[in-house]
Amino acid sequence: MIINFSRGDDNISYDVSKIEDNQKKAEATIMVNKVGNIEIILEALNFAGITHRKNLEALLQDTPEAMVAESEEDINDNDEEVSEDSESEEADDSK
């Protein structure tokens, strides 16, 4: 099994099947499988997030009573509030 790593302009390839130490070979194979599974999960979550976001947008477009008319100044104030809220949520999550 050949593994490729890209670091900037450099590409490094390793052949896990050529590892002579059976314990290291088994560890490398397990790590490759874990990374593969994590990448599949991340892709699925990204797809789900995009799908739900589009569905929410479609639902909200069909409900004009939910639309909020804001001036440009209000929008800028809300952007700052959102970023402050996000930072405080991240701080809460780290506890």
Protein backbone atom coordinates (compact mmCIF):
# COMPACT_ATOMS: atom_id res chain seq x y z
CA MET A 1 0.00 0.00 0.00
CA ILE A 2 1.56 3.28 -1.13
CA ILE A 3 0.94 6.43 0.90
CA ASN A 4 1.59 9.89 -0.57
CA PHE A 5 2.20 13.04 1.47
CA SER A 6 2.26 16.51 -0.06
CA ARG A 7 4.13 19.24 1.77
CA GLY A 8 4.17 22.40 -0.25
CA ASP A 9 5.84 21.54 -3.54
CA ASP A 10 7.31 18.29 -2.21
CA ASN A 11 5.62 14.92 -2.67
CA ILE A 12 6.82 12.04 -0.50
CA SER A 13 5.68 8.46 -1.07
CA TYR A 14 5.96 5.48 1.28
CA ASP A 15 5.19 1.82 0.63
CA VAL A 16 3.74 0.40 3.84
CA SER A 17 4.02 -3.17 2.51
CA LYS A 18 7.82 -2.82 2.48
CA ILE A 19 8.07 -2.19 6.24
CA GLU A 20 10.05 -5.11 7.65
CA ASP A 21 8.97 -4.80 11.31
CA ASN A 22 5.56 -6.52 11.48
CA GLN A 23 4.44 -4.45 14.48
CA LYS A 24 5.24 -1.17 12.70
CA LYS A 25 3.59 -2.46 9.52
CA ALA A 26 0.42 -3.33 11.47
CA GLU A 27 0.44 0.09 13.20
CA ALA A 28 0.88 1.88 9.87
CA THR A 29 -1.97 -0.11 8.31
CA ILE A 30 -4.26 0.70 11.26
CA MET A 31 -3.38 4.41 11.06
CA VAL A 32 -4.01 4.44 7.30
CA ASN A 33 -7.43 2.87 7.87
CA LYS A 34 -8.26 5.35 10.65
CA VAL A 35 -7.26 8.34 8.50
CA GLY A 36 -9.32 6.98 5.61
CA ASN A 37 -12.37 6.52 7.84
CA ILE A 38 -12.00 10.01 9.30
CA GLU A 39 -11.75 11.54 5.82
CA ILE A 40 -14.92 9.71 4.76
CA ILE A 41 -16.75 10.98 7.87
CA LEU A 42 -15.54 14.54 7.24
CA GLU A 43 -16.73 14.40 3.64
CA ALA A 44 -20.12 13.04 4.74
CA LEU A 45 -20.49 15.76 7.40
CA ASN A 46 -19.54 18.45 4.89
CA PHE A 47 -22.11 17.12 2.41
CA ALA A 48 -24.77 16.95 5.14
CA GLY A 49 -24.00 20.50 6.26
CA ILE A 50 -24.25 21.87 2.73
CA THR A 51 -27.50 19.98 2.12
CA HIS A 52 -29.12 21.19 5.35
CA ARG A 53 -27.97 24.76 4.71
CA LYS A 54 -29.53 24.71 1.21
CA ASN A 55 -32.74 23.16 2.55
CA LEU A 56 -32.93 25.84 5.26
CA GLU A 57 -32.38 28.57 2.70
CA ALA A 58 -35.13 27.13 0.46
CA LEU A 59 -37.50 26.88 3.42
CA LEU A 60 -36.78 30.46 4.49
CA GLN A 61 -37.24 31.78 0.95
CA ASP A 62 -40.76 30.32 1.04
CA THR A 63 -41.54 32.17 4.28
CA PRO A 64 -41.39 35.91 3.51
CA GLU A 65 -42.86 36.70 6.93
CA ALA A 66 -39.59 35.58 8.49
CA MET A 67 -37.49 38.04 6.47
CA VAL A 68 -35.89 40.83 8.46
CA ALA A 69 -35.23 44.12 6.71
CA GLU A 70 -32.05 45.66 8.05
CA SER A 71 -30.03 48.70 7.17
CA GLU A 72 -26.41 48.21 6.15
CA GLU A 73 -25.26 49.59 9.52
CA ASP A 74 -27.38 47.01 11.38
CA ILE A 75 -25.90 44.21 9.27
CA ASN A 76 -22.35 45.27 10.17
CA ASP A 77 -23.30 45.43 13.87
CA ASN A 78 -24.80 41.93 13.66
CA ASP A 79 -21.67 40.57 11.97
CA GLU A 80 -19.61 41.78 14.90
CA GLU A 81 -22.08 40.26 17.37
CA VAL A 82 -21.96 36.90 15.59
CA SER A 83 -18.18 36.79 15.64
CA GLU A 84 -18.15 37.72 19.33
CA ASP A 85 -20.74 35.02 20.06
CA SER A 86 -18.69 32.48 18.12
CA GLU A 87 -15.58 33.31 20.10
CA SER A 88 -17.40 32.97 23.43
CA GLU A 89 -18.91 29.64 22.30
CA GLU A 90 -15.44 28.39 21.37
CA ALA A 91 -14.17 29.43 24.79
CA ASP A 92 -17.07 27.58 26.43
CA ASP A 93 -16.37 24.46 24.37
CA SER A 94 -12.75 24.35 25.51
CA LYS A 95 -13.77 24.02 29.19
